[in-house]
Amino acid sequence: MVRPIGKYVLGSKGIIETEVFQQFVFQEFIKSKSWGSIESIAKTNGIYNVEELHKLIKEHSPIKAVGEINMQLCKIVHEAEKKDPKLSFHAICVNEMDKLCVLIGIDPTTVSRGEAWFKIQYDKNKNLKRSQFKDYKQVIKQLGNRYRRVMENPKIFLTWYKQNKDIKEFNRFLYWMVKKLKSKNKILK
């Protein structure tokens, strides 16, 4: 006798492999509304430590193609737009340049903020050269490309944002990184 497609999960026989049983178990864990309940599911399915679970989640994430970093970038832009809807993308990037640079892996102390900024820095330190700095317009162009990639499907971002808007750890990490990078850079005063 052949099993009907979709009625059973792959594997051997038994009630544990029926979709009905798995839905029942899932509903029981949802009722508790606790992420602590994930531990028993993980251990039952052969995941015994946090690192393995973290790796599994990352590998099968629905936002894997977009990337968590790009989602965080859009979150920063979205929150700035909510504060002041009149700001353009360019203005938001200029205002949040330090955090956005750290987010995409660029040292914010190596980004020129324009000609007036460079003249002020040069007056403080005559050893500075323009070639030491990346043009902020190129950085904004790179940020714009990442932003557009996510916003091709805004529903994915808005759903992710709704679930993650209150999580502040990533923002604290960005502020910490900016502070560390600025304290290590002795060229700029």
N, C-alpha and C. Protein backbone atom coordinates (compact mmCIF):
# COMPACT_ATOMS: atom_id res chain seq x y z
N MET A 1 0.84 -1.17 0.00
CA MET A 1 0.00 0.00 0.00
C MET A 1 0.90 1.25 0.00
N VAL A 2 0.62 2.17 -0.88
CA VAL A 2 1.40 3.38 -1.03
C VAL A 2 0.75 4.50 -0.21
N ARG A 3 1.62 5.26 0.51
CA ARG A 3 1.10 6.38 1.30
C ARG A 3 0.66 7.51 0.38
N PRO A 4 -0.46 8.16 0.70
CA PRO A 4 -0.88 9.32 -0.08
C PRO A 4 0.12 10.46 0.11
N ILE A 5 0.40 11.17 -0.97
CA ILE A 5 1.35 12.27 -0.90
C ILE A 5 0.79 13.38 -0.03
N GLY A 6 1.61 13.89 0.86
CA GLY A 6 1.22 15.00 1.71
C GLY A 6 0.56 14.59 3.01
N LYS A 7 0.15 13.34 3.12
CA LYS A 7 -0.53 12.92 4.33
C LYS A 7 0.46 12.58 5.43
N TYR A 8 1.60 12.05 5.05
CA TYR A 8 2.60 11.65 6.03
C TYR A 8 3.91 12.36 5.74
N VAL A 9 4.68 12.53 6.78
CA VAL A 9 6.02 13.07 6.64
C VAL A 9 6.92 11.92 6.22
N LEU A 10 8.01 12.21 5.53
CA LEU A 10 8.93 11.17 5.10
C LEU A 10 9.48 10.39 6.28
N GLY A 11 9.73 9.13 6.10
CA GLY A 11 10.33 8.32 7.15
C GLY A 11 9.57 7.01 7.33
N SER A 12 9.72 6.41 8.51
CA SER A 12 9.07 5.13 8.77
C SER A 12 7.64 5.35 9.25
N LYS A 13 6.99 4.25 9.61
CA LYS A 13 5.59 4.28 10.00
C LYS A 13 5.40 4.89 11.37
N GLY A 14 4.17 5.17 11.70
CA GLY A 14 3.84 5.60 13.05
C GLY A 14 3.07 6.89 13.10
N ILE A 15 2.38 7.06 14.22
CA ILE A 15 1.56 8.24 14.40
C ILE A 15 2.39 9.52 14.48
N ILE A 16 3.63 9.41 14.95
CA ILE A 16 4.49 10.58 15.10
C ILE A 16 4.75 11.24 13.76
N GLU A 17 4.69 10.48 12.69
CA GLU A 17 5.00 11.03 11.38
C GLU A 17 3.79 11.57 10.64
N THR A 18 2.62 11.49 11.23
CA THR A 18 1.45 12.05 10.54
C THR A 18 1.44 13.55 10.70
N GLU A 19 0.90 14.24 9.70
CA GLU A 19 0.80 15.68 9.77
C GLU A 19 -0.11 16.10 10.90
N VAL A 20 -1.16 15.34 11.14
CA VAL A 20 -2.10 15.66 12.21
C VAL A 20 -1.39 15.70 13.56
N PHE A 21 -0.55 14.70 13.84
CA PHE A 21 0.17 14.65 15.10
C PHE A 21 1.14 15.82 15.20
N GLN A 22 1.86 16.09 14.12
CA GLN A 22 2.82 17.19 14.15
C GLN A 22 2.12 18.53 14.34
N GLN A 23 0.95 18.70 13.72
CA GLN A 23 0.20 19.94 13.93
C GLN A 23 -0.27 20.05 15.38
N PHE A 24 -0.68 18.93 15.96
CA PHE A 24 -1.09 18.91 17.36
C PHE A 24 0.07 19.34 18.27
N VAL A 25 1.23 18.76 18.06
CA VAL A 25 2.41 19.09 18.87
C VAL A 25 2.75 20.57 18.71
N PHE A 26 2.75 21.04 17.45
CA PHE A 26 3.07 22.43 17.19
C PHE A 26 2.08 23.36 17.89
N GLN A 27 0.79 23.03 17.82
CA GLN A 27 -0.22 23.84 18.49
C GLN A 27 -0.04 23.86 20.00
N GLU A 28 0.36 22.72 20.58
CA GLU A 28 0.61 22.67 22.02
C GLU A 28 1.76 23.58 22.41
N PHE A 29 2.80 23.61 21.60
CA PHE A 29 3.93 24.49 21.90
C PHE A 29 3.56 25.96 21.69
N ILE A 30 2.71 26.23 20.70
CA ILE A 30 2.29 27.60 20.46
C ILE A 30 1.45 28.11 21.62
N LYS A 31 0.64 27.25 22.22
CA LYS A 31 -0.20 27.66 23.34
C LYS A 31 0.63 28.22 24.49
N SER A 32 1.81 27.65 24.71
CA SER A 32 2.64 28.13 25.81
C SER A 32 3.25 29.49 25.51
N LYS A 33 3.30 29.88 24.21
CA LYS A 33 3.85 31.17 23.77
C LYS A 33 5.21 31.44 24.38
N SER A 34 6.01 30.42 24.47
CA SER A 34 7.33 30.56 25.07
C SER A 34 8.38 29.99 24.13
N TRP A 35 9.46 30.75 23.94
CA TRP A 35 10.55 30.25 23.12
C TRP A 35 11.31 29.16 23.86
N GLY A 36 11.09 29.05 25.18
CA GLY A 36 11.72 27.98 25.94
C GLY A 36 11.25 26.61 25.48
N SER A 37 10.04 26.55 24.93
CA SER A 37 9.51 25.26 24.48
C SER A 37 10.25 24.73 23.26
N ILE A 38 10.99 25.60 22.56
CA ILE A 38 11.73 25.15 21.38
C ILE A 38 12.82 24.17 21.75
N GLU A 39 13.30 24.23 22.99
CA GLU A 39 14.38 23.34 23.43
C GLU A 39 13.97 21.88 23.33
N SER A 40 12.75 21.57 23.77
CA SER A 40 12.33 20.16 23.71
C SER A 40 12.12 19.70 22.27
N ILE A 41 11.63 20.59 21.41
CA ILE A 41 11.47 20.22 20.00
C ILE A 41 12.84 19.96 19.38
N ALA A 42 13.79 20.82 19.67
CA ALA A 42 15.14 20.69 19.12
C ALA A 42 15.77 19.38 19.58
N LYS A 43 15.70 19.09 20.87
CA LYS A 43 16.33 17.88 21.39
C LYS A 43 15.66 16.63 20.83
N THR A 44 14.35 16.68 20.67
CA THR A 44 13.65 15.54 20.09
C THR A 44 14.10 15.26 18.67
N ASN A 45 14.48 16.32 17.97
CA ASN A 45 14.88 16.18 16.57
C ASN A 45 16.40 16.18 16.38
N GLY A 46 17.16 15.95 17.45
CA GLY A 46 18.60 15.73 17.32
C GLY A 46 19.45 16.98 17.35
N ILE A 47 18.90 18.10 17.77
CA ILE A 47 19.68 19.33 17.92
C ILE A 47 19.88 19.51 19.43
N TYR A 48 21.14 19.41 19.89
CA TYR A 48 21.37 19.35 21.33
C TYR A 48 22.00 20.59 21.94
N ASN A 49 22.44 21.53 21.11
CA ASN A 49 22.99 22.75 21.70
C ASN A 49 22.57 23.97 20.88
N VAL A 50 22.77 25.12 21.45
CA VAL A 50 22.32 26.37 20.85
C VAL A 50 23.01 26.64 19.51
N GLU A 51 24.29 26.31 19.42
CA GLU A 51 25.03 26.57 18.18
C GLU A 51 24.43 25.81 17.00
N GLU A 52 24.06 24.54 17.22
CA GLU A 52 23.46 23.75 16.14
C GLU A 52 22.12 24.35 15.73
N LEU A 53 21.31 24.76 16.70
CA LEU A 53 20.01 25.35 16.41
C LEU A 53 20.19 26.68 15.66
N HIS A 54 21.13 27.48 16.10
CA HIS A 54 21.41 28.76 15.44
C HIS A 54 21.81 28.53 13.98
N LYS A 55 22.68 27.56 13.75
CA LYS A 55 23.13 27.24 12.39
C LYS A 55 21.96 26.77 11.53
N LEU A 56 21.12 25.92 12.09
CA LEU A 56 19.96 25.41 11.35
C LEU A 56 19.00 26.53 10.98
N ILE A 57 18.75 27.42 11.91
CA ILE A 57 17.85 28.54 11.64
C ILE A 57 18.43 29.43 10.55
N LYS A 58 19.72 29.74 10.65
CA LYS A 58 20.36 30.59 9.64
C LYS A 58 20.31 29.97 8.24
N GLU A 59 20.56 28.64 8.18
CA GLU A 59 20.59 27.96 6.88
C GLU A 59 19.22 27.90 6.22
N HIS A 60 18.16 27.87 7.00
CA HIS A 60 16.82 27.70 6.45
C HIS A 60 15.94 28.93 6.67
N SER A 61 16.56 30.07 6.88
CA SER A 61 15.83 31.30 7.14
C SER A 61 15.09 31.77 5.89
N PRO A 62 13.85 32.23 6.06
CA PRO A 62 13.13 32.77 4.89
C PRO A 62 13.72 34.08 4.38
N ILE A 63 14.53 34.76 5.20
CA ILE A 63 15.15 36.01 4.74
C ILE A 63 16.61 35.81 4.35
N LYS A 64 17.03 34.56 4.23
CA LYS A 64 18.43 34.27 3.90
C LYS A 64 18.86 34.92 2.59
N ALA A 65 17.99 34.90 1.59
CA ALA A 65 18.34 35.47 0.29
C ALA A 65 18.54 36.99 0.39
N VAL A 66 17.78 37.64 1.24
CA VAL A 66 17.88 39.09 1.40
C VAL A 66 19.03 39.43 2.33
N GLY A 67 19.13 38.71 3.45
CA GLY A 67 20.19 38.93 4.42
C GLY A 67 19.74 39.77 5.59
N GLU A 68 20.15 39.35 6.78
CA GLU A 68 19.76 40.06 7.99
C GLU A 68 20.35 41.47 8.02
N ILE A 69 21.56 41.62 7.51
CA ILE A 69 22.20 42.94 7.51
C ILE A 69 21.38 43.92 6.67
N ASN A 70 20.92 43.49 5.52
CA ASN A 70 20.11 44.36 4.67
C ASN A 70 18.77 44.69 5.34
N MET A 71 18.23 43.74 6.09
CA MET A 71 16.99 44.02 6.83
C MET A 71 17.25 45.06 7.91
N GLN A 72 18.40 44.97 8.59
CA GLN A 72 18.73 45.95 9.61
C GLN A 72 18.94 47.32 8.98
N LEU A 73 19.55 47.37 7.81
CA LEU A 73 19.73 48.62 7.08
C LEU A 73 18.37 49.25 6.80
N CYS A 74 17.44 48.46 6.30
CA CYS A 74 16.10 48.97 6.01
C CYS A 74 15.38 49.40 7.27
N LYS A 75 15.65 48.71 8.37
CA LYS A 75 15.03 49.09 9.65
C LYS A 75 15.50 50.48 10.07
N ILE A 76 16.79 50.74 9.95
CA ILE A 76 17.33 52.07 10.30
C ILE A 76 16.68 53.14 9.43
N VAL A 77 16.60 52.89 8.13
CA VAL A 77 16.01 53.86 7.21
C VAL A 77 14.52 54.04 7.50
N HIS A 78 13.83 52.94 7.73
CA HIS A 78 12.38 52.98 7.99
C HIS A 78 12.08 53.78 9.26
N GLU A 79 12.86 53.55 10.32
CA GLU A 79 12.64 54.28 11.57
C GLU A 79 12.95 55.76 11.43
N ALA A 80 13.96 56.10 10.63
CA ALA A 80 14.27 57.51 10.38
C ALA A 80 13.15 58.16 9.57
N GLU A 81 12.58 57.42 8.61
CA GLU A 81 11.45 57.94 7.82
C GLU A 81 10.23 58.16 8.70
N LYS A 82 10.02 57.26 9.67
CA LYS A 82 8.88 57.43 10.57
C LYS A 82 9.05 58.68 11.44
N LYS A 83 10.29 58.98 11.86
CA LYS A 83 10.53 60.17 12.68
C LYS A 83 10.32 61.45 11.87
N ASP A 84 10.82 61.46 10.64
CA ASP A 84 10.70 62.64 9.79
C ASP A 84 10.42 62.19 8.35
N PRO A 85 9.13 62.14 7.97
CA PRO A 85 8.77 61.65 6.63
C PRO A 85 9.30 62.49 5.47
N LYS A 86 9.75 63.72 5.76
CA LYS A 86 10.24 64.60 4.70
C LYS A 86 11.67 64.29 4.29
N LEU A 87 12.40 63.51 5.10
CA LEU A 87 13.80 63.22 4.79
C LEU A 87 13.91 62.30 3.57
N SER A 88 14.87 62.58 2.73
CA SER A 88 15.15 61.71 1.58
C SER A 88 16.06 60.57 2.04
N PHE A 89 16.19 59.57 1.19
CA PHE A 89 17.08 58.45 1.48
C PHE A 89 18.50 58.96 1.67
N HIS A 90 18.92 59.88 0.81
CA HIS A 90 20.27 60.44 0.89
C HIS A 90 20.50 61.13 2.24
N ALA A 91 19.53 61.93 2.67
CA ALA A 91 19.65 62.66 3.95
C ALA A 91 19.70 61.69 5.13
N ILE A 92 18.91 60.65 5.06
CA ILE A 92 18.92 59.64 6.13
C ILE A 92 20.29 58.97 6.19
N CYS A 93 20.83 58.62 5.04
CA CYS A 93 22.16 57.99 5.01
C CYS A 93 23.24 58.90 5.55
N VAL A 94 23.16 60.18 5.23
CA VAL A 94 24.15 61.13 5.76
C VAL A 94 24.03 61.22 7.28
N ASN A 95 22.79 61.29 7.77
CA ASN A 95 22.57 61.40 9.23
C ASN A 95 23.00 60.15 9.97
N GLU A 96 22.82 58.99 9.37
CA GLU A 96 23.10 57.71 10.02
C GLU A 96 24.35 57.04 9.46
N MET A 97 25.23 57.82 8.85
CA MET A 97 26.37 57.28 8.12
C MET A 97 27.23 56.34 8.96
N ASP A 98 27.52 56.69 10.19
CA ASP A 98 28.40 55.86 11.02
C ASP A 98 27.82 54.46 11.21
N LYS A 99 26.55 54.40 11.63
CA LYS A 99 25.91 53.09 11.87
C LYS A 99 25.81 52.29 10.57
N LEU A 100 25.42 52.95 9.49
CA LEU A 100 25.24 52.25 8.22
C LEU A 100 26.58 51.72 7.69
N CYS A 101 27.64 52.49 7.87
CA CYS A 101 28.96 52.02 7.43
C CYS A 101 29.37 50.77 8.19
N VAL A 102 29.21 50.79 9.49
CA VAL A 102 29.56 49.61 10.30
C VAL A 102 28.72 48.43 9.85
N LEU A 103 27.46 48.68 9.56
CA LEU A 103 26.54 47.62 9.15
C LEU A 103 27.02 46.90 7.90
N ILE A 104 27.56 47.64 6.95
CA ILE A 104 27.98 47.01 5.69
C ILE A 104 29.48 46.72 5.66
N GLY A 105 30.14 46.87 6.80
CA GLY A 105 31.53 46.45 6.91
C GLY A 105 32.55 47.49 6.48
N ILE A 106 32.20 48.76 6.57
CA ILE A 106 33.13 49.83 6.24
C ILE A 106 33.44 50.60 7.52
N ASP A 107 34.70 50.87 7.74
CA ASP A 107 35.09 51.67 8.90
C ASP A 107 34.59 53.10 8.67
N PRO A 108 33.70 53.62 9.53
CA PRO A 108 33.15 54.96 9.29
C PRO A 108 34.19 56.07 9.36
N THR A 109 35.32 55.80 9.98
CA THR A 109 36.37 56.82 10.05
C THR A 109 37.16 56.92 8.75
N THR A 110 36.89 56.04 7.79
CA THR A 110 37.57 56.09 6.49
C THR A 110 36.68 56.66 5.40
N VAL A 111 35.54 57.24 5.79
CA VAL A 111 34.60 57.78 4.81
C VAL A 111 34.61 59.31 4.91
N SER A 112 34.89 59.94 3.78
CA SER A 112 34.88 61.40 3.71
C SER A 112 33.43 61.88 3.71
N ARG A 113 33.15 62.95 4.43
CA ARG A 113 31.78 63.49 4.51
C ARG A 113 31.61 64.70 3.60
N GLY A 114 32.50 64.90 2.68
CA GLY A 114 32.41 66.02 1.76
C GLY A 114 33.61 66.96 1.88
N GLU A 115 33.62 67.95 1.03
CA GLU A 115 34.76 68.86 0.95
C GLU A 115 34.91 69.72 2.21
N ALA A 116 33.81 70.24 2.72
CA ALA A 116 33.89 71.08 3.93
C ALA A 116 34.40 70.25 5.11
N TRP A 117 33.93 69.04 5.23
CA TRP A 117 34.39 68.15 6.32
C TRP A 117 35.89 67.90 6.19
N PHE A 118 36.34 67.62 4.96
CA PHE A 118 37.76 67.33 4.75
C PHE A 118 38.63 68.55 5.11
N LYS A 119 38.19 69.75 4.75
CA LYS A 119 38.97 70.95 5.07
C LYS A 119 39.09 71.13 6.58
N ILE A 120 38.02 70.87 7.31
CA ILE A 120 38.07 70.97 8.78
C ILE A 120 39.04 69.95 9.34
N GLN A 121 38.98 68.72 8.85
CA GLN A 121 39.89 67.67 9.32
C GLN A 121 41.34 67.97 8.93
N TYR A 122 41.53 68.54 7.74
CA TYR A 122 42.88 68.86 7.27
C TYR A 122 43.50 69.96 8.12
N ASP A 123 42.67 70.92 8.53
CA ASP A 123 43.18 71.99 9.40
C ASP A 123 43.64 71.43 10.74
N LYS A 124 43.03 70.36 11.20
CA LYS A 124 43.41 69.72 12.46
C LYS A 124 44.65 68.85 12.30
N ASN A 125 44.80 68.23 11.13
CA ASN A 125 45.90 67.30 10.89
C ASN A 125 46.38 67.46 9.45
N LYS A 126 47.50 68.09 9.25
CA LYS A 126 48.03 68.39 7.91
C LYS A 126 48.54 67.15 7.18
N ASN A 127 48.63 66.01 7.84
CA ASN A 127 49.13 64.78 7.21
C ASN A 127 48.03 64.01 6.47
N LEU A 128 46.80 64.47 6.53
CA LEU A 128 45.70 63.77 5.86
C LEU A 128 45.79 63.91 4.35
N LYS A 129 45.38 62.84 3.66
CA LYS A 129 45.32 62.85 2.19
C LYS A 129 43.92 62.40 1.79
N ARG A 130 43.43 62.95 0.70
CA ARG A 130 42.10 62.57 0.21
C ARG A 130 42.03 61.08 -0.13
N SER A 131 43.14 60.52 -0.55
CA SER A 131 43.15 59.11 -0.94
C SER A 131 42.93 58.16 0.25
N GLN A 132 43.04 58.68 1.47
CA GLN A 132 42.81 57.85 2.65
C GLN A 132 41.32 57.59 2.90
N PHE A 133 40.45 58.33 2.21
CA PHE A 133 39.03 58.28 2.50
C PHE A 133 38.21 57.83 1.29
N LYS A 134 37.14 57.11 1.58
CA LYS A 134 36.16 56.75 0.55
C LYS A 134 35.17 57.90 0.42
N ASP A 135 34.67 58.11 -0.77
CA ASP A 135 33.68 59.16 -1.00
C ASP A 135 32.33 58.71 -0.43
N TYR A 136 31.70 59.56 0.36
CA TYR A 136 30.45 59.18 0.99
C TYR A 136 29.34 58.94 -0.03
N LYS A 137 29.43 59.57 -1.20
CA LYS A 137 28.42 59.36 -2.23
C LYS A 137 28.46 57.93 -2.76
N GLN A 138 29.65 57.35 -2.86
CA GLN A 138 29.78 55.96 -3.29
C GLN A 138 29.20 55.00 -2.23
N VAL A 139 29.42 55.35 -0.97
CA VAL A 139 28.88 54.53 0.11
C VAL A 139 27.35 54.58 0.08
N ILE A 140 26.80 55.78 -0.14
CA ILE A 140 25.34 55.92 -0.21
C ILE A 140 24.79 55.16 -1.41
N LYS A 141 25.51 55.14 -2.51
CA LYS A 141 25.07 54.37 -3.68
C LYS A 141 25.02 52.87 -3.34
N GLN A 142 26.03 52.39 -2.63
CA GLN A 142 26.05 50.99 -2.21
C GLN A 142 24.89 50.69 -1.25
N LEU A 143 24.64 51.60 -0.31
CA LEU A 143 23.52 51.43 0.61
C LEU A 143 22.19 51.43 -0.15
N GLY A 144 22.08 52.29 -1.14
CA GLY A 144 20.86 52.36 -1.95
C GLY A 144 20.59 51.07 -2.70
N ASN A 145 21.64 50.47 -3.24
CA ASN A 145 21.47 49.19 -3.94
C ASN A 145 20.95 48.10 -3.00
N ARG A 146 21.51 48.05 -1.81
CA ARG A 146 21.05 47.05 -0.82
C ARG A 146 19.61 47.34 -0.40
N TYR A 147 19.30 48.60 -0.19
CA TYR A 147 17.96 49.00 0.22
C TYR A 147 16.93 48.62 -0.85
N ARG A 148 17.23 48.92 -2.09
CA ARG A 148 16.30 48.59 -3.18
C ARG A 148 16.09 47.09 -3.32
N ARG A 149 17.15 46.32 -3.08
CA ARG A 149 17.04 44.86 -3.17
C ARG A 149 16.00 44.33 -2.17
N VAL A 150 16.00 44.88 -0.98
CA VAL A 150 15.03 44.45 0.03
C VAL A 150 13.65 44.97 -0.30
N MET A 151 13.57 46.21 -0.73
CA MET A 151 12.27 46.84 -0.94
C MET A 151 11.60 46.43 -2.25
N GLU A 152 12.21 45.52 -3.00
CA GLU A 152 11.52 44.96 -4.16
C GLU A 152 10.27 44.22 -3.71
N ASN A 153 10.33 43.66 -2.50
CA ASN A 153 9.18 43.00 -1.90
C ASN A 153 9.01 43.56 -0.48
N PRO A 154 8.33 44.71 -0.35
CA PRO A 154 8.24 45.36 0.96
C PRO A 154 7.46 44.55 1.99
N LYS A 155 6.62 43.63 1.55
CA LYS A 155 5.82 42.84 2.50
C LYS A 155 6.74 42.00 3.40
N ILE A 156 7.79 41.43 2.83
CA ILE A 156 8.74 40.64 3.62
C ILE A 156 9.39 41.51 4.68
N PHE A 157 9.83 42.71 4.27
CA PHE A 157 10.47 43.60 5.23
C PHE A 157 9.49 44.04 6.31
N LEU A 158 8.29 44.45 5.93
CA LEU A 158 7.34 44.96 6.91
C LEU A 158 6.93 43.88 7.91
N THR A 159 6.81 42.64 7.45
CA THR A 159 6.52 41.54 8.37
C THR A 159 7.68 41.33 9.32
N TRP A 160 8.90 41.34 8.79
CA TRP A 160 10.10 41.19 9.62
C TRP A 160 10.20 42.35 10.60
N TYR A 161 9.95 43.57 10.14
CA TYR A 161 10.04 44.75 10.99
C TYR A 161 9.04 44.69 12.14
N LYS A 162 7.84 44.26 11.83
CA LYS A 162 6.80 44.16 12.87
C LYS A 162 7.25 43.23 13.99
N GLN A 163 7.95 42.15 13.65
CA GLN A 163 8.41 41.19 14.64
C GLN A 163 9.67 41.65 15.36
N ASN A 164 10.47 42.52 14.74
CA ASN A 164 11.79 42.87 15.29
C ASN A 164 11.96 44.33 15.68
N LYS A 165 10.91 45.13 15.62
CA LYS A 165 11.07 46.57 15.87
C LYS A 165 11.47 46.88 17.31
N ASP A 166 11.13 46.04 18.25
CA ASP A 166 11.45 46.31 19.65
C ASP A 166 12.78 45.73 20.11
N ILE A 167 13.45 44.99 19.25
CA ILE A 167 14.73 44.39 19.60
C ILE A 167 15.82 45.44 19.45
N LYS A 168 16.48 45.78 20.55
CA LYS A 168 17.45 46.88 20.55
C LYS A 168 18.90 46.42 20.61
N GLU A 169 19.15 45.12 20.74
CA GLU A 169 20.52 44.64 20.89
C GLU A 169 21.39 45.00 19.68
N PHE A 170 20.84 44.89 18.48
CA PHE A 170 21.62 45.17 17.29
C PHE A 170 22.02 46.64 17.23
N ASN A 171 21.09 47.53 17.61
CA ASN A 171 21.42 48.96 17.64
C ASN A 171 22.50 49.26 18.67
N ARG A 172 22.43 48.61 19.82
CA ARG A 172 23.47 48.81 20.84
C ARG A 172 24.82 48.34 20.32
N PHE A 173 24.82 47.22 19.60
CA PHE A 173 26.06 46.71 19.01
C PHE A 173 26.63 47.72 18.02
N LEU A 174 25.78 48.30 17.17
CA LEU A 174 26.25 49.28 16.19
C LEU A 174 26.85 50.51 16.87
N TYR A 175 26.18 51.02 17.90
CA TYR A 175 26.72 52.17 18.63
C TYR A 175 28.06 51.83 19.28
N TRP A 176 28.16 50.64 19.84
CA TRP A 176 29.40 50.22 20.47
C TRP A 176 30.53 50.14 19.45
N MET A 177 30.23 49.56 18.28
CA MET A 177 31.25 49.44 17.23
C MET A 177 31.70 50.82 16.74
N VAL A 178 30.77 51.72 16.53
CA VAL A 178 31.12 53.07 16.07
C VAL A 178 32.02 53.74 17.10
N LYS A 179 31.66 53.61 18.36
CA LYS A 179 32.46 54.22 19.44
C LYS A 179 33.86 53.63 19.47
N LYS A 180 33.96 52.30 19.36
CA LYS A 180 35.27 51.64 19.35
C LYS A 180 36.13 52.09 18.17
N LEU A 181 35.53 52.11 16.98
CA LEU A 181 36.29 52.50 15.79
C LEU A 181 36.77 53.94 15.87
N LYS A 182 35.92 54.82 16.38
CA LYS A 182 36.33 56.22 16.50
C LYS A 182 37.41 56.40 17.55
N SER A 183 37.35 55.62 18.63
CA SER A 183 38.38 55.76 19.67
C SER A 183 39.72 55.19 19.21
N LYS A 184 39.70 54.21 18.30
CA LYS A 184 40.95 53.64 17.80
C LYS A 184 41.59 54.48 16.71
N ASN A 185 40.80 55.28 16.02
CA ASN A 185 41.33 56.08 14.93
C ASN A 185 41.92 57.37 15.48
N LYS A 186 43.23 57.46 15.48
CA LYS A 186 43.94 58.61 16.03
C LYS A 186 44.15 59.69 14.96
N ILE A 187 43.87 59.39 13.70
CA ILE A 187 44.08 60.35 12.63
C ILE A 187 43.08 61.50 12.72
N LEU A 188 41.80 61.16 12.96
CA LEU A 188 40.77 62.18 13.06
C LEU A 188 40.62 62.63 14.50
N LYS A 189 40.47 63.89 14.71
CA LYS A 189 40.32 64.43 16.06
C LYS A 189 38.87 64.71 16.34
